[in-house]
Amino acid sequence: MTTTHALTKSTILAISRRDKLAAELRPIVGAFDSSCLTEADVASLGLRRLGMTAPPGREVATIRGVILAKTRAKAGTGMDATSGRDNFVSRHLRAASAHG
């Protein structure tokens, strides 16, 4: 692999990482132009917009943790929860108690 090829590949990978991070951040912090930013710049911008800070050199890891926390599954209804409506379980329990 030539030096030019390695440099090109490295640059493409860096742009790809930056674009992926920017795409994950936009729903959280709003739209921004990332075309002239590095991945670390995008992370710093996201942290600033959220009013957060991170130790120098840890901005990307910190913002990835924030993204993970904000995109985790939200609390929902479990299979054992009841909506208050008549369902199979409540009908079964009523039928069993009527016979017992």
C-alpha atoms as a PDB file:
ATOM      1  CA  MET A   1       0.000   0.000   0.000  1.00  0.00           C
ATOM      2  CA  THR A   2       1.436   3.349  -0.956  1.00  0.00           C
ATOM      3  CA  THR A   3       1.678   6.250   1.443  1.00  0.00           C
ATOM      4  CA  THR A   4      -0.814   8.214  -0.651  1.00  0.00           C
ATOM      5  CA  HIS A   5      -3.281   5.333  -0.607  1.00  0.00           C
ATOM      6  CA  ALA A   6      -2.947   4.936   3.173  1.00  0.00           C
ATOM      7  CA  LEU A   7      -3.413   8.680   3.684  1.00  0.00           C
ATOM      8  CA  THR A   8      -6.477   8.709   1.439  1.00  0.00           C
ATOM      9  CA  LYS A   9      -7.992   5.729   3.235  1.00  0.00           C
ATOM     10  CA  SER A  10      -7.291   7.311   6.619  1.00  0.00           C
ATOM     11  CA  THR A  11      -8.915  10.574   5.515  1.00  0.00           C
ATOM     12  CA  ILE A  12     -12.004   8.795   4.191  1.00  0.00           C
ATOM     13  CA  LEU A  13     -12.375   6.865   7.454  1.00  0.00           C
ATOM     14  CA  ALA A  14     -12.037  10.074   9.494  1.00  0.00           C
ATOM     15  CA  ILE A  15     -14.711  11.797   7.395  1.00  0.00           C
ATOM     16  CA  SER A  16     -16.973   8.774   7.733  1.00  0.00           C
ATOM     17  CA  ARG A  17     -16.634   8.742  11.536  1.00  0.00           C
ATOM     18  CA  ARG A  18     -17.298  12.482  11.672  1.00  0.00           C
ATOM     19  CA  ASP A  19     -20.396  12.199   9.457  1.00  0.00           C
ATOM     20  CA  LYS A  20     -21.781   9.287  11.477  1.00  0.00           C
ATOM     21  CA  LEU A  21     -21.346  11.185  14.748  1.00  0.00           C
ATOM     22  CA  ALA A  22     -22.926  14.321  13.268  1.00  0.00           C
ATOM     23  CA  ALA A  23     -25.924  12.305  12.029  1.00  0.00           C
ATOM     24  CA  GLU A  24     -26.410  10.751  15.488  1.00  0.00           C
ATOM     25  CA  LEU A  25     -26.146  14.154  17.191  1.00  0.00           C
ATOM     26  CA  ARG A  26     -28.509  16.169  14.978  1.00  0.00           C
ATOM     27  CA  PRO A  27     -31.741  14.765  16.494  1.00  0.00           C
ATOM     28  CA  ILE A  28     -30.407  15.612  19.965  1.00  0.00           C
ATOM     29  CA  VAL A  29     -28.812  19.049  19.500  1.00  0.00           C
ATOM     30  CA  GLY A  30     -30.345  20.313  16.263  1.00  0.00           C
ATOM     31  CA  ALA A  31     -28.930  20.962  12.821  1.00  0.00           C
ATOM     32  CA  PHE A  32     -25.367  22.162  12.269  1.00  0.00           C
ATOM     33  CA  ASP A  33     -22.821  22.235   9.441  1.00  0.00           C
ATOM     34  CA  SER A  34     -20.122  19.661  10.059  1.00  0.00           C
ATOM     35  CA  SER A  35     -18.419  19.880   6.675  1.00  0.00           C
ATOM     36  CA  CYS A  36     -15.320  21.695   7.982  1.00  0.00           C
ATOM     37  CA  LEU A  37     -15.172  19.969  11.370  1.00  0.00           C
ATOM     38  CA  THR A  38     -13.285  16.950  12.640  1.00  0.00           C
ATOM     39  CA  GLU A  39     -14.949  14.201  14.672  1.00  0.00           C
ATOM     40  CA  ALA A  40     -13.558  15.803  17.843  1.00  0.00           C
ATOM     41  CA  ASP A  41     -14.926  19.203  16.762  1.00  0.00           C
ATOM     42  CA  VAL A  42     -18.379  17.683  16.218  1.00  0.00           C
ATOM     43  CA  ALA A  43     -18.227  16.077  19.671  1.00  0.00           C
ATOM     44  CA  SER A  44     -17.180  19.371  21.278  1.00  0.00           C
ATOM     45  CA  LEU A  45     -19.974  21.238  19.503  1.00  0.00           C
ATOM     46  CA  GLY A  46     -22.508  18.673  20.728  1.00  0.00           C
ATOM     47  CA  LEU A  47     -21.266  18.927  24.295  1.00  0.00           C
ATOM     48  CA  ARG A  48     -21.388  22.741  24.190  1.00  0.00           C
ATOM     49  CA  ARG A  49     -24.957  22.694  22.891  1.00  0.00           C
ATOM     50  CA  LEU A  50     -25.918  20.369  25.728  1.00  0.00           C
ATOM     51  CA  GLY A  51     -24.148  22.557  28.280  1.00  0.00           C
ATOM     52  CA  MET A  52     -21.672  19.818  29.088  1.00  0.00           C
ATOM     53  CA  THR A  53     -17.897  19.527  29.234  1.00  0.00           C
ATOM     54  CA  ALA A  54     -15.436  16.670  28.984  1.00  0.00           C
ATOM     55  CA  PRO A  55     -11.763  16.242  29.808  1.00  0.00           C
ATOM     56  CA  PRO A  56      -9.496  17.205  26.894  1.00  0.00           C
ATOM     57  CA  GLY A  57      -9.213  14.337  24.448  1.00  0.00           C
ATOM     58  CA  ARG A  58     -12.314  12.587  25.837  1.00  0.00           C
ATOM     59  CA  GLU A  59     -14.953  14.629  24.005  1.00  0.00           C
ATOM     60  CA  VAL A  60     -15.819  11.912  21.482  1.00  0.00           C
ATOM     61  CA  ALA A  61     -16.154   9.203  24.142  1.00  0.00           C
ATOM     62  CA  THR A  62     -18.262  11.497  26.312  1.00  0.00           C
ATOM     63  CA  ILE A  63     -20.661  12.509  23.559  1.00  0.00           C
ATOM     64  CA  ARG A  64     -20.991   8.865  22.462  1.00  0.00           C
ATOM     65  CA  GLY A  65     -22.087   8.047  26.024  1.00  0.00           C
ATOM     66  CA  VAL A  66     -24.594  10.892  25.919  1.00  0.00           C
ATOM     67  CA  ILE A  67     -25.976   9.664  22.588  1.00  0.00           C
ATOM     68  CA  LEU A  68     -26.254   6.119  23.931  1.00  0.00           C
ATOM     69  CA  ALA A  69     -28.078   7.317  27.052  1.00  0.00           C
ATOM     70  CA  LYS A  70     -30.495   9.478  25.053  1.00  0.00           C
ATOM     71  CA  THR A  71     -31.276   6.817  22.460  1.00  0.00           C
ATOM     72  CA  ARG A  72     -31.739   3.864  24.821  1.00  0.00           C
ATOM     73  CA  ALA A  73     -35.157   2.251  24.804  1.00  0.00           C
ATOM     74  CA  LYS A  74     -37.660   4.350  26.683  1.00  0.00           C
ATOM     75  CA  ALA A  75     -39.788   2.866  29.450  1.00  0.00           C
ATOM     76  CA  GLY A  76     -42.817   1.194  27.983  1.00  0.00           C
ATOM     77  CA  THR A  77     -45.574  -1.212  28.753  1.00  0.00           C
ATOM     78  CA  GLY A  78     -44.555  -4.681  29.823  1.00  0.00           C
ATOM     79  CA  MET A  79     -46.420  -7.824  28.915  1.00  0.00           C
ATOM     80  CA  ASP A  80     -47.660  -8.114  32.500  1.00  0.00           C
ATOM     81  CA  ALA A  81     -49.032  -4.578  32.606  1.00  0.00           C
ATOM     82  CA  THR A  82     -52.723  -3.935  32.379  1.00  0.00           C
ATOM     83  CA  SER A  83     -54.376  -1.182  30.438  1.00  0.00           C
ATOM     84  CA  GLY A  84     -57.457  -1.371  32.653  1.00  0.00           C
ATOM     85  CA  ARG A  85     -59.416  -2.993  29.862  1.00  0.00           C
ATOM     86  CA  ASP A  86     -60.808  -6.483  29.796  1.00  0.00           C
ATOM     87  CA  ASN A  87     -58.231  -8.942  28.516  1.00  0.00           C
ATOM     88  CA  PHE A  88     -57.589 -12.664  28.397  1.00  0.00           C
ATOM     89  CA  VAL A  89     -55.999 -12.824  31.848  1.00  0.00           C
ATOM     90  CA  SER A  90     -58.718 -10.853  33.636  1.00  0.00           C
ATOM     91  CA  ARG A  91     -61.432 -12.932  31.929  1.00  0.00           C
ATOM     92  CA  HIS A  92     -59.640 -16.141  32.918  1.00  0.00           C
ATOM     93  CA  LEU A  93     -59.264 -15.024  36.540  1.00  0.00           C
ATOM     94  CA  ARG A  94     -62.938 -13.995  36.761  1.00  0.00           C
ATOM     95  CA  ALA A  95     -64.028 -17.333  35.294  1.00  0.00           C
ATOM     96  CA  ALA A  96     -61.792 -19.254  37.730  1.00  0.00           C
ATOM     97  CA  SER A  97     -63.073 -17.325  40.750  1.00  0.00           C
ATOM     98  CA  ALA A  98     -66.704 -17.843  39.652  1.00  0.00           C
ATOM     99  CA  HIS A  99     -66.185 -21.619  39.646  1.00  0.00           C
ATOM    100  CA  GLY A 100     -64.276 -21.726  42.901  1.00  0.00           C
END
